[in-house]
Structure formats: C-alpha cells, structure tokens
Amino acid sequence: MTPLEVVAVVAAGIGAGAINAVVGSGSLITFPTLVAIGVPPVVANVSNNIGLVPGSFTGAYGYRAELKGQRDRLVRLGVGSLLGSALGGLLLINLDPGVFQVVVPVLIGVACVLVVIQPQLNRWTAGWREKAHPNGGPWLWLGVFGAGVYGGYFGAAQGVLLIGILGAMLSEGLQRVNAAKNVLSLIVNFTAAALFIVIAEIDWWAVLAIAVGSTIGGFLGAKIGRKIPAPVLRGIIVCVGILAIIKLVFG
C-alpha cells in the first residue's frame, strides 16, 4: 500500500472501531476501503476481520462498568458465539459468497424491527421472561449462535443483529445489552481471526493499518456511546441497520 492508502485505511479503521463500539457495522467502512485500493474481496474480508479484533477489545473494555453482573451469561452465550463464528469462517472459505446476499439484508431488517419494538416487546414478554432462564435460555443461545455464524462469514451489522436478539430476550437496559454485544462480537471476531490466520490468505499491511485505527476508534466509540440516551441509541442502531441493508443490496 502507498502512504496515502495506509492513511485512508487507518482512518477507516478509526471510524469502524467507533461505530462497532456503539452499534456495529464498522465493516461497511473498512471492507469497501480495502476493496477500493485493490485488495481482492475475500482477502479484504479476512484481513478486515483480523484488523478489527483490537478495536473489538477496546470497545468491550470501554463498557466494563455495564458488564458487571453479566459474567455467567456471557460465558454461556460466548460458547454460542465461538462455535457460530468458527462455522461462519469455514463457510466463507468454502462457499460461494453470493449465498448470503439475499438472506443477510432480511436478517438485518428483522433485527432493526426488534430494536424498535424492544420496549413494547419487553412488556409483552415480561411474565414469560421472569419464568425463563435469566440468561435467555436455549432460544437466545441459538440466536447468538446464528449471529456468530453470520459474524464469522462477513460481520457487517452483526452488532445490529446481536442487539436485536439480546434486547428482545433479556430484561436489561439498552446500554447493558450493548455492552454484552461488544463482548460477544469480540469473541466472534477473535475466533474467526484465529481460523483465518491458519487457513486463509491475508494482507498483513491491511491488517496492521485497520488494527491501529480500530484500537483508537474502539476507545472513542465506547466513551461516546455510553453517554447516549437509550432512545437516541435505538434510533442510531436502526439508521445504521437501514444503511447496511442499502449497502448490501445495492452495493
């Protein structure tokens, strides 16, 4: 990469790290940037995933106050994220990339609807959730596993999917849901990255540039995101989800 391209990728990494900490979908910035400078799509996807891991860590660390009391839940759900991500990474290497082009926008759309109706949905399901497992039970685990498959395959808007799923099935405020999302996204990205390092072609300069940017962006995003009121954060999540759908459908 030329010096100008490095600067562009680092800047994209900062934006992606910040967006991932607050909502998700940071890959919609970094992945197109890598493709635009000439990195082959699959290599760009793999390199992008690895580069965003440090940003996922700093974003999760920034939400550590909201993570208190969620350890057992995240250990349980984290297994689903890990297994799903490993499967998604294998699908990326072995399947036609067009397989998910129809399904993914639909999933993001459903997640956006869940985010919008979360307060009402929580009221409707209050009695059921009081009797159900405090960590969401098997249905939440399966939902997190499915989000992990998608995250390991591509990752853009996996945060929107996770917030929609977690928010619909847990009796938690949106900021605590977002904190849990950051940890699960970190597990997904780290698992996929470990797999890709072993079996995939990687552009390490792209990885380094995105890693530097996403690390900075993760800190900034967590600092800003924790101060955003829940209704505003909900609106941001939905807007990002809609933009992700437009980007994935129309390129």
Protein backbone atom coordinates (compact mmCIF):
# COMPACT_ATOMS: atom_id res chain seq x y z
CA MET A 1 0.00 0.00 0.00
CA THR A 2 1.09 3.56 -0.67
CA PRO A 3 1.39 6.02 2.27
CA LEU A 4 -1.87 7.68 1.19
CA GLU A 5 -3.66 4.33 1.12
CA VAL A 6 -2.31 3.49 4.58
CA VAL A 7 -3.69 6.77 5.93
CA ALA A 8 -7.06 6.06 4.31
CA VAL A 9 -7.24 2.55 5.81
CA VAL A 10 -6.21 3.77 9.28
CA ALA A 11 -8.89 6.47 9.12
CA ALA A 12 -11.45 3.88 8.04
CA GLY A 13 -10.33 1.71 10.95
CA ILE A 14 -10.91 4.55 13.42
CA GLY A 15 -14.42 5.03 12.08
CA ALA A 16 -15.14 1.31 12.09
CA GLY A 17 -13.86 0.82 15.64
CA ALA A 18 -16.00 3.69 16.92
CA ILE A 19 -19.14 2.52 15.12
CA ASN A 20 -18.64 -1.08 16.26
CA ALA A 21 -18.42 0.01 19.90
CA VAL A 22 -21.66 1.98 19.68
CA VAL A 23 -23.71 -0.12 17.26
CA GLY A 24 -21.87 -2.42 14.86
CA SER A 25 -21.47 -2.39 11.06
CA GLY A 26 -17.98 -0.90 11.07
CA SER A 27 -17.02 -3.39 8.35
CA LEU A 28 -19.19 -1.39 5.97
CA ILE A 29 -16.45 1.27 6.15
CA THR A 30 -13.27 -0.78 6.20
CA PHE A 31 -14.20 -3.59 3.81
CA PRO A 32 -15.12 -1.28 0.88
CA THR A 33 -12.00 0.80 1.58
CA LEU A 34 -9.76 -2.25 1.18
CA VAL A 35 -11.54 -3.33 -1.99
CA ALA A 36 -11.25 0.22 -3.36
CA ILE A 37 -7.46 0.20 -3.01
CA GLY A 38 -7.20 -3.12 -4.86
CA VAL A 39 -7.32 -5.84 -2.19
CA PRO A 40 -9.25 -8.89 -3.53
CA PRO A 41 -12.69 -9.18 -1.84
CA VAL A 42 -12.15 -12.43 0.09
CA VAL A 43 -8.66 -11.34 1.20
CA ALA A 44 -10.13 -7.94 2.16
CA ASN A 45 -12.87 -9.61 4.20
CA VAL A 46 -10.41 -11.84 6.04
CA SER A 47 -7.85 -9.06 6.63
CA ASN A 48 -10.60 -6.70 7.79
CA ASN A 49 -11.88 -9.22 10.32
CA ILE A 50 -8.44 -9.71 11.85
CA GLY A 51 -7.71 -5.98 11.93
CA LEU A 52 -10.92 -5.19 13.79
CA VAL A 53 -10.15 -7.54 16.70
CA PRO A 54 -8.15 -4.94 18.72
CA GLY A 55 -10.98 -2.44 18.23
CA SER A 56 -13.49 -5.00 19.48
CA PHE A 57 -11.37 -5.42 22.60
CA THR A 58 -11.07 -1.71 23.35
CA GLY A 59 -14.79 -1.23 22.70
CA ALA A 60 -15.68 -4.03 25.13
CA TYR A 61 -13.22 -2.71 27.72
CA GLY A 62 -14.79 0.74 27.49
CA TYR A 63 -18.13 -0.76 28.54
CA ARG A 64 -16.71 -2.66 31.52
CA ALA A 65 -18.99 -0.84 34.01
CA GLU A 66 -22.08 -2.05 32.12
CA LEU A 67 -20.69 -5.59 32.07
CA LYS A 68 -20.84 -6.04 35.84
CA GLY A 69 -23.04 -8.97 36.80
CA GLN A 70 -23.11 -10.43 33.27
CA ARG A 71 -20.17 -12.84 33.53
CA ASP A 72 -22.17 -16.09 33.76
CA ARG A 73 -24.47 -15.00 30.94
CA LEU A 74 -21.57 -14.07 28.66
CA VAL A 75 -19.72 -17.32 29.37
CA ARG A 76 -22.84 -19.26 28.33
CA LEU A 77 -23.59 -17.14 25.26
CA GLY A 78 -19.92 -16.81 24.39
CA VAL A 79 -19.78 -20.53 23.62
CA GLY A 80 -22.50 -19.98 21.03
CA SER A 81 -20.61 -17.05 19.54
CA LEU A 82 -17.40 -19.06 19.35
CA LEU A 83 -18.96 -22.10 17.70
CA GLY A 84 -21.03 -19.99 15.31
CA SER A 85 -18.04 -17.88 14.29
CA ALA A 86 -15.93 -20.96 13.55
CA LEU A 87 -18.69 -22.32 11.33
CA GLY A 88 -19.13 -18.96 9.60
CA GLY A 89 -15.42 -18.68 8.90
CA LEU A 90 -15.39 -22.12 7.30
CA LEU A 91 -18.38 -21.12 5.17
CA LEU A 92 -16.54 -18.02 3.99
CA ILE A 93 -13.62 -20.10 2.77
CA ASN A 94 -15.69 -22.85 1.18
CA LEU A 95 -18.98 -21.38 -0.07
CA ASP A 96 -19.98 -19.07 -2.91
CA PRO A 97 -20.06 -15.52 -1.41
CA GLY A 98 -23.47 -14.97 -3.01
CA VAL A 99 -25.16 -17.49 -0.72
CA PHE A 100 -25.98 -14.94 1.97
CA GLN A 101 -26.69 -11.96 -0.30
CA VAL A 102 -30.45 -12.47 -0.10
CA VAL A 103 -30.69 -13.70 3.49
CA VAL A 104 -28.46 -11.15 5.23
CA PRO A 105 -30.46 -7.97 4.42
CA VAL A 106 -33.61 -9.73 5.65
CA LEU A 107 -31.89 -10.66 8.92
CA ILE A 108 -30.69 -7.09 9.45
CA GLY A 109 -34.20 -5.79 8.70
CA VAL A 110 -35.70 -8.14 11.30
CA ALA A 111 -33.06 -7.02 13.82
CA CYS A 112 -33.95 -3.36 13.21
CA VAL A 113 -37.62 -4.12 13.86
CA LEU A 114 -36.69 -5.91 17.10
CA VAL A 115 -34.65 -2.90 18.23
CA VAL A 116 -37.54 -0.50 17.51
CA ILE A 117 -40.17 -2.57 19.33
CA GLN A 118 -37.88 -3.72 22.14
CA PRO A 119 -39.59 -1.68 24.92
CA GLN A 120 -43.05 -2.91 23.94
CA LEU A 121 -41.77 -6.44 23.33
CA ASN A 122 -40.20 -6.48 26.79
CA ARG A 123 -43.55 -5.51 28.32
CA TRP A 124 -45.37 -8.22 26.36
CA THR A 125 -42.91 -10.92 27.37
CA ALA A 126 -42.25 -9.78 30.95
CA GLY A 127 -44.15 -12.67 32.53
CA TRP A 128 -42.53 -15.25 30.27
CA ARG A 129 -39.02 -13.91 30.84
CA GLU A 130 -39.48 -13.91 34.60
CA LYS A 131 -40.14 -17.66 34.43
CA ALA A 132 -37.49 -18.35 31.79
CA HIS A 133 -33.77 -18.75 32.25
CA PRO A 134 -32.19 -15.42 33.37
CA ASN A 135 -29.64 -15.78 30.60
CA GLY A 136 -32.27 -16.14 27.88
CA GLY A 137 -32.48 -19.91 27.70
CA PRO A 138 -31.85 -22.09 24.63
CA TRP A 139 -33.61 -19.79 22.15
CA LEU A 140 -31.31 -16.89 22.94
CA TRP A 141 -28.29 -19.21 22.75
CA LEU A 142 -29.39 -20.37 19.29
CA GLY A 143 -29.92 -16.77 18.19
CA VAL A 144 -26.44 -15.80 19.35
CA PHE A 145 -25.03 -18.88 17.61
CA GLY A 146 -26.74 -17.79 14.36
CA ALA A 147 -25.38 -14.27 14.72
CA GLY A 148 -21.95 -15.82 15.26
CA VAL A 149 -22.23 -17.76 12.00
CA TYR A 150 -23.03 -14.54 10.18
CA GLY A 151 -20.28 -12.64 12.00
CA GLY A 152 -17.68 -15.25 11.12
CA TYR A 153 -18.78 -15.18 7.49
CA PHE A 154 -18.84 -11.41 6.96
CA GLY A 155 -19.54 -9.45 10.14
CA ALA A 156 -21.06 -6.20 8.85
CA ALA A 157 -24.09 -5.34 11.02
CA GLN A 158 -23.59 -8.33 13.31
CA GLY A 159 -23.88 -5.78 16.14
CA VAL A 160 -27.35 -4.78 14.96
CA LEU A 161 -28.36 -8.45 14.84
CA LEU A 162 -26.99 -9.12 18.33
CA ILE A 163 -28.63 -6.06 19.90
CA GLY A 164 -31.95 -7.01 18.34
CA ILE A 165 -31.72 -10.59 19.61
CA LEU A 166 -30.38 -9.78 23.09
CA GLY A 167 -32.71 -6.85 23.64
CA ALA A 168 -35.77 -8.89 22.74
CA MET A 169 -34.99 -11.73 25.14
CA LEU A 170 -33.26 -10.15 28.14
CA SER A 171 -34.63 -7.88 30.88
CA GLU A 172 -31.80 -5.39 30.54
CA GLY A 173 -31.38 -1.75 29.57
CA LEU A 174 -30.04 -0.99 26.12
CA GLN A 175 -26.60 0.07 27.36
CA ARG A 176 -26.08 -3.23 29.20
CA VAL A 177 -27.31 -5.08 26.11
CA ASN A 178 -24.82 -3.08 24.04
CA ALA A 179 -22.02 -3.98 26.46
CA ALA A 180 -22.87 -7.68 26.12
CA LYS A 181 -22.98 -7.25 22.34
CA ASN A 182 -19.43 -5.86 22.37
CA VAL A 183 -18.09 -8.88 24.25
CA LEU A 184 -19.87 -11.37 22.01
CA SER A 185 -18.69 -9.51 18.90
CA LEU A 186 -15.14 -9.69 20.25
CA ILE A 187 -15.46 -13.46 20.66
CA VAL A 188 -16.81 -13.80 17.12
CA ASN A 189 -14.08 -11.66 15.58
CA PHE A 190 -11.28 -13.28 17.58
CA THR A 191 -12.43 -16.81 16.73
CA ALA A 192 -12.76 -16.04 13.03
CA ALA A 193 -9.39 -14.27 13.04
CA ALA A 194 -7.66 -17.27 14.63
CA LEU A 195 -9.19 -19.54 11.99
CA PHE A 196 -8.27 -17.23 9.11
CA ILE A 197 -4.66 -16.91 10.25
CA VAL A 198 -4.33 -20.68 9.85
CA ILE A 199 -6.21 -21.31 6.61
CA ALA A 200 -6.70 -18.09 4.64
CA GLU A 201 -4.69 -15.63 2.55
CA ILE A 202 -4.08 -12.38 4.47
CA ASP A 203 -2.85 -8.89 3.60
CA TRP A 204 -0.88 -8.12 6.77
CA TRP A 205 -0.31 -4.46 5.91
CA ALA A 206 -4.07 -4.01 5.69
CA VAL A 207 -4.46 -5.84 9.00
CA LEU A 208 -1.92 -3.56 10.70
CA ALA A 209 -3.49 -0.35 9.37
CA ILE A 210 -7.01 -1.36 10.40
CA ALA A 211 -5.78 -2.61 13.79
CA VAL A 212 -4.17 0.73 14.62
CA GLY A 213 -7.27 2.65 13.59
CA SER A 214 -9.83 0.33 15.19
CA THR A 215 -7.97 0.34 18.52
CA ILE A 216 -8.28 4.12 18.70
CA GLY A 217 -11.84 4.07 17.40
CA GLY A 218 -12.94 1.45 19.93
CA PHE A 219 -11.90 3.65 22.85
CA LEU A 220 -13.54 6.73 21.36
CA GLY A 221 -16.75 4.89 20.46
CA ALA A 222 -17.16 3.40 23.94
CA LYS A 223 -16.57 6.77 25.58
CA ILE A 224 -19.21 8.43 23.43
CA GLY A 225 -21.68 5.54 23.23
CA ARG A 226 -22.05 5.12 27.00
CA LYS A 227 -23.40 8.68 27.24
CA ILE A 228 -26.06 8.32 24.53
CA PRO A 229 -29.65 8.07 25.89
CA ALA A 230 -31.39 4.78 25.07
CA PRO A 231 -33.98 6.27 22.65
CA VAL A 232 -31.25 8.07 20.71
CA LEU A 233 -29.05 4.98 20.66
CA ARG A 234 -32.01 2.95 19.43
CA GLY A 235 -32.50 5.43 16.57
CA ILE A 236 -28.81 5.29 15.65
CA ILE A 237 -28.89 1.48 15.60
CA VAL A 238 -31.89 1.45 13.26
CA CYS A 239 -30.35 4.05 10.93
CA VAL A 240 -27.11 2.07 10.72
CA GLY A 241 -29.10 -1.09 10.07
CA ILE A 242 -31.01 0.55 7.21
CA LEU A 243 -27.78 1.88 5.70
CA ALA A 244 -26.29 -1.61 5.98
CA ILE A 245 -29.26 -3.08 4.09
CA ILE A 246 -28.95 -0.46 1.34
CA LYS A 247 -25.21 -1.06 1.09
CA LEU A 248 -25.53 -4.84 0.92
CA VAL A 249 -28.41 -4.81 -1.56
CA PHE A 250 -27.27 -2.06 -3.90
CA GLY A 251 -23.51 -2.22 -3.36
